[in-house]
PDB file of N, CA and C in Angstrom:
ATOM      1  N   MET A   1     -32.410 -11.087 -22.212  1.00  0.00           N
ATOM      2  CA  MET A   1     -31.322 -11.920 -22.813  1.00  0.00           C
ATOM      3  C   MET A   1     -30.697 -12.321 -21.443  1.00  0.00           C
ATOM      4  N   ALA A   2     -30.101 -13.640 -21.269  1.00  0.00           N
ATOM      5  CA  ALA A   2     -29.509 -13.897 -20.093  1.00  0.00           C
ATOM      6  C   ALA A   2     -28.211 -13.579 -20.134  1.00  0.00           C
ATOM      7  N   ASP A   3     -28.019 -13.322 -19.045  1.00  0.00           N
ATOM      8  CA  ASP A   3     -26.604 -12.872 -18.789  1.00  0.00           C
ATOM      9  C   ASP A   3     -25.554 -14.340 -18.436  1.00  0.00           C
ATOM     10  N   ASN A   4     -24.717 -15.014 -19.447  1.00  0.00           N
ATOM     11  CA  ASN A   4     -24.086 -15.675 -19.532  1.00  0.00           C
ATOM     12  C   ASN A   4     -22.401 -15.664 -18.794  1.00  0.00           C
ATOM     13  N   ARG A   5     -22.336 -14.958 -18.070  1.00  0.00           N
ATOM     14  CA  ARG A   5     -20.914 -14.688 -17.631  1.00  0.00           C
ATOM     15  C   ARG A   5     -20.686 -15.647 -16.182  1.00  0.00           C
ATOM     16  N   THR A   6     -19.627 -15.822 -16.403  1.00  0.00           N
ATOM     17  CA  THR A   6     -19.510 -16.998 -14.596  1.00  0.00           C
ATOM     18  C   THR A   6     -19.475 -16.046 -13.805  1.00  0.00           C
ATOM     19  N   MET A   7     -19.153 -16.283 -12.578  1.00  0.00           N
ATOM     20  CA  MET A   7     -19.271 -15.725 -11.290  1.00  0.00           C
ATOM     21  C   MET A   7     -17.969 -15.255 -11.228  1.00  0.00           C
ATOM     22  N   ALA A   8     -16.645 -15.592 -12.138  1.00  0.00           N
ATOM     23  CA  ALA A   8     -15.349 -14.994 -11.719  1.00  0.00           C
ATOM     24  C   ALA A   8     -15.335 -13.861 -13.288  1.00  0.00           C
ATOM     25  N   GLN A   9     -16.182 -14.049 -13.747  1.00  0.00           N
ATOM     26  CA  GLN A   9     -16.186 -12.531 -14.706  1.00  0.00           C
ATOM     27  C   GLN A   9     -16.740 -11.578 -14.144  1.00  0.00           C
ATOM     28  N   MET A  10     -18.090 -11.949 -13.734  1.00  0.00           N
ATOM     29  CA  MET A  10     -18.924 -10.788 -12.656  1.00  0.00           C
ATOM     30  C   MET A  10     -17.745 -10.334 -11.514  1.00  0.00           C
ATOM     31  N   LEU A  11     -17.306 -10.802 -11.183  1.00  0.00           N
ATOM     32  CA  LEU A  11     -16.362 -10.198  -9.900  1.00  0.00           C
ATOM     33  C   LEU A  11     -14.995  -9.440 -10.453  1.00  0.00           C
ATOM     34  N   GLN A  12     -15.227  -9.176 -11.265  1.00  0.00           N
ATOM     35  CA  GLN A  12     -13.855  -8.850 -11.953  1.00  0.00           C
ATOM     36  C   GLN A  12     -14.017  -7.123 -12.337  1.00  0.00           C
ATOM     37  N   ALA A  13     -13.247  -6.579 -12.107  1.00  0.00           N
ATOM     38  CA  ALA A  13     -13.297  -4.947 -11.767  1.00  0.00           C
ATOM     39  C   ALA A  13     -13.147  -4.667 -13.270  1.00  0.00           C
ATOM     40  N   PRO A  14     -13.735  -3.758 -14.058  1.00  0.00           N
ATOM     41  CA  PRO A  14     -13.685  -3.610 -14.908  1.00  0.00           C
ATOM     42  C   PRO A  14     -12.420  -2.285 -14.990  1.00  0.00           C
ATOM     43  N   ILE A  15     -11.382  -2.892 -15.975  1.00  0.00           N
ATOM     44  CA  ILE A  15      -9.685  -1.916 -16.339  1.00  0.00           C
ATOM     45  C   ILE A  15      -9.839  -0.735 -17.246  1.00  0.00           C
ATOM     46  N   GLU A  16     -10.830  -1.069 -18.280  1.00  0.00           N
ATOM     47  CA  GLU A  16     -10.808   0.225 -19.401  1.00  0.00           C
ATOM     48  C   GLU A  16     -10.771   1.487 -18.739  1.00  0.00           C
ATOM     49  N   GLY A  17      -9.856   2.172 -19.210  1.00  0.00           N
ATOM     50  CA  GLY A  17      -9.827   3.671 -18.813  1.00  0.00           C
ATOM     51  C   GLY A  17      -8.898   4.016 -17.444  1.00  0.00           C
ATOM     52  N   TYR A  18      -8.908   2.645 -17.092  1.00  0.00           N
ATOM     53  CA  TYR A  18      -7.931   3.205 -15.386  1.00  0.00           C
ATOM     54  C   TYR A  18      -6.656   2.938 -15.531  1.00  0.00           C
ATOM     55  N   GLU A  19      -6.119   2.482 -16.571  1.00  0.00           N
ATOM     56  CA  GLU A  19      -4.423   1.991 -16.402  1.00  0.00           C
ATOM     57  C   GLU A  19      -3.592   2.808 -15.504  1.00  0.00           C
ATOM     58  N   ASP A  20      -3.901   4.592 -15.625  1.00  0.00           N
ATOM     59  CA  ASP A  20      -3.109   5.500 -14.919  1.00  0.00           C
ATOM     60  C   ASP A  20      -3.895   5.992 -14.199  1.00  0.00           C
ATOM     61  N   ALA A  21      -4.596   5.609 -13.596  1.00  0.00           N
ATOM     62  CA  ALA A  21      -5.401   5.918 -12.402  1.00  0.00           C
ATOM     63  C   ALA A  21      -4.931   5.952 -11.230  1.00  0.00           C
ATOM     64  N   ILE A  22      -4.026   4.772 -10.989  1.00  0.00           N
ATOM     65  CA  ILE A  22      -3.216   4.421  -9.578  1.00  0.00           C
ATOM     66  C   ILE A  22      -2.176   5.000  -9.941  1.00  0.00           C
ATOM     67  N   VAL A  23      -1.468   5.898  -9.086  1.00  0.00           N
ATOM     68  CA  VAL A  23      -0.435   6.654  -9.443  1.00  0.00           C
ATOM     69  C   VAL A  23       0.489   6.363  -7.593  1.00  0.00           C
ATOM     70  N   VAL A  24       1.360   6.106  -7.784  1.00  0.00           N
ATOM     71  CA  VAL A  24       2.067   6.006  -6.231  1.00  0.00           C
ATOM     72  C   VAL A  24       3.220   7.163  -6.395  1.00  0.00           C
ATOM     73  N   PRO A  25       2.840   8.072  -5.711  1.00  0.00           N
ATOM     74  CA  PRO A  25       3.636   9.228  -5.416  1.00  0.00           C
ATOM     75  C   PRO A  25       5.131   8.834  -4.934  1.00  0.00           C
ATOM     76  N   PRO A  26       6.194   9.771  -5.467  1.00  0.00           N
ATOM     77  CA  PRO A  26       7.403  10.002  -4.774  1.00  0.00           C
ATOM     78  C   PRO A  26       7.624   9.943  -3.291  1.00  0.00           C
ATOM     79  N   ILE A  27       8.490   9.259  -2.964  1.00  0.00           N
ATOM     80  CA  ILE A  27       8.341   9.386  -1.360  1.00  0.00           C
ATOM     81  C   ILE A  27       9.912  10.197  -0.822  1.00  0.00           C
ATOM     82  N   ASN A  28       9.695  11.238  -0.715  1.00  0.00           N
ATOM     83  CA  ASN A  28      11.224  12.138  -0.495  1.00  0.00           C
ATOM     84  C   ASN A  28      11.482  11.661   1.347  1.00  0.00           C
ATOM     85  N   ALA A  29      12.601  10.877   1.092  1.00  0.00           N
ATOM     86  CA  ALA A  29      13.107  10.182   2.894  1.00  0.00           C
ATOM     87  C   ALA A  29      14.089  10.841   3.247  1.00  0.00           C
ATOM     88  N   ASN A  30      14.047  12.146   2.695  1.00  0.00           N
ATOM     89  CA  ASN A  30      15.430  13.124   3.102  1.00  0.00           C
ATOM     90  C   ASN A  30      14.994  14.047   4.598  1.00  0.00           C
ATOM     91  N   ASN A  31      13.996  14.196   4.844  1.00  0.00           N
ATOM     92  CA  ASN A  31      13.591  14.727   6.039  1.00  0.00           C
ATOM     93  C   ASN A  31      12.396  14.048   7.127  1.00  0.00           C
ATOM     94  N   PHE A  32      13.236  12.922   7.699  1.00  0.00           N
ATOM     95  CA  PHE A  32      12.877  12.574   8.927  1.00  0.00           C
ATOM     96  C   PHE A  32      13.358  12.652   9.883  1.00  0.00           C
ATOM     97  N   GLU A  33      12.937  12.363  11.373  1.00  0.00           N
ATOM     98  CA  GLU A  33      14.033  12.535  12.363  1.00  0.00           C
ATOM     99  C   GLU A  33      13.667  11.368  13.214  1.00  0.00           C
ATOM    100  N   LEU A  34      14.201  10.769  14.148  1.00  0.00           N
ATOM    101  CA  LEU A  34      14.602  10.361  14.625  1.00  0.00           C
ATOM    102  C   LEU A  34      14.597   9.881  16.203  1.00  0.00           C
ATOM    103  N   LYS A  35      13.653  10.166  17.050  1.00  0.00           N
ATOM    104  CA  LYS A  35      13.775  10.442  18.595  1.00  0.00           C
ATOM    105  C   LYS A  35      14.523  10.109  19.293  1.00  0.00           C
ATOM    106  N   GLN A  36      15.311  10.622  20.483  1.00  0.00           N
ATOM    107  CA  GLN A  36      15.786  10.124  21.369  1.00  0.00           C
ATOM    108  C   GLN A  36      15.265   8.852  21.915  1.00  0.00           C
ATOM    109  N   THR A  37      14.186   9.204  22.841  1.00  0.00           N
ATOM    110  CA  THR A  37      13.627   8.008  23.232  1.00  0.00           C
ATOM    111  C   THR A  37      12.945   7.226  22.631  1.00  0.00           C
ATOM    112  N   LEU A  38      12.638   7.000  21.034  1.00  0.00           N
ATOM    113  CA  LEU A  38      12.881   6.018  20.336  1.00  0.00           C
ATOM    114  C   LEU A  38      14.275   4.981  20.154  1.00  0.00           C
ATOM    115  N   ILE A  39      14.903   5.883  20.033  1.00  0.00           N
ATOM    116  CA  ILE A  39      16.459   5.370  20.124  1.00  0.00           C
ATOM    117  C   ILE A  39      16.549   4.116  21.196  1.00  0.00           C
ATOM    118  N   ASN A  40      16.385   5.117  22.598  1.00  0.00           N
ATOM    119  CA  ASN A  40      16.336   4.323  23.783  1.00  0.00           C
ATOM    120  C   ASN A  40      15.781   3.193  24.017  1.00  0.00           C
ATOM    121  N   LEU A  41      14.312   3.521  23.136  1.00  0.00           N
ATOM    122  CA  LEU A  41      13.885   2.111  23.569  1.00  0.00           C
ATOM    123  C   LEU A  41      13.885   1.047  22.844  1.00  0.00           C
ATOM    124  N   VAL A  42      14.637   1.211  21.787  1.00  0.00           N
ATOM    125  CA  VAL A  42      14.986   0.021  20.990  1.00  0.00           C
ATOM    126  C   VAL A  42      16.205  -0.284  21.445  1.00  0.00           C
ATOM    127  N   GLN A  43      17.075   0.296  21.687  1.00  0.00           N
ATOM    128  CA  GLN A  43      18.315  -0.352  22.908  1.00  0.00           C
ATOM    129  C   GLN A  43      18.537  -0.933  23.982  1.00  0.00           C
ATOM    130  N   SER A  44      17.529  -0.594  24.667  1.00  0.00           N
ATOM    131  CA  SER A  44      16.826  -1.037  25.805  1.00  0.00           C
ATOM    132  C   SER A  44      16.055  -2.547  25.576  1.00  0.00           C
ATOM    133  N   ASN A  45      15.743  -2.809  24.825  1.00  0.00           N
ATOM    134  CA  ASN A  45      15.121  -3.669  24.429  1.00  0.00           C
ATOM    135  C   ASN A  45      15.126  -5.085  23.156  1.00  0.00           C
ATOM    136  N   GLN A  46      16.831  -4.601  23.430  1.00  0.00           N
ATOM    137  CA  GLN A  46      17.392  -5.271  21.961  1.00  0.00           C
ATOM    138  C   GLN A  46      17.137  -6.912  21.820  1.00  0.00           C
ATOM    139  N   PHE A  47      17.690  -7.631  23.013  1.00  0.00           N
ATOM    140  CA  PHE A  47      17.545  -8.758  23.180  1.00  0.00           C
ATOM    141  C   PHE A  47      16.276  -9.406  24.190  1.00  0.00           C
ATOM    142  N   THR A  48      15.164  -8.282  24.214  1.00  0.00           N
ATOM    143  CA  THR A  48      14.466  -9.569  25.081  1.00  0.00           C
ATOM    144  C   THR A  48      13.021  -9.846  23.865  1.00  0.00           C
TER     145      THR A  48
END
């Protein structure tokens, strides 16, 4: 039996059963720190 699918159909990934497989975790951006050296670098190269 011949496979009569087009190339575009063959390249599509199957999606049955994978709807909830990719989950983006929440990002808690409450605990980050800006180092003083990074702030100095940004300020010194502000207009270059």
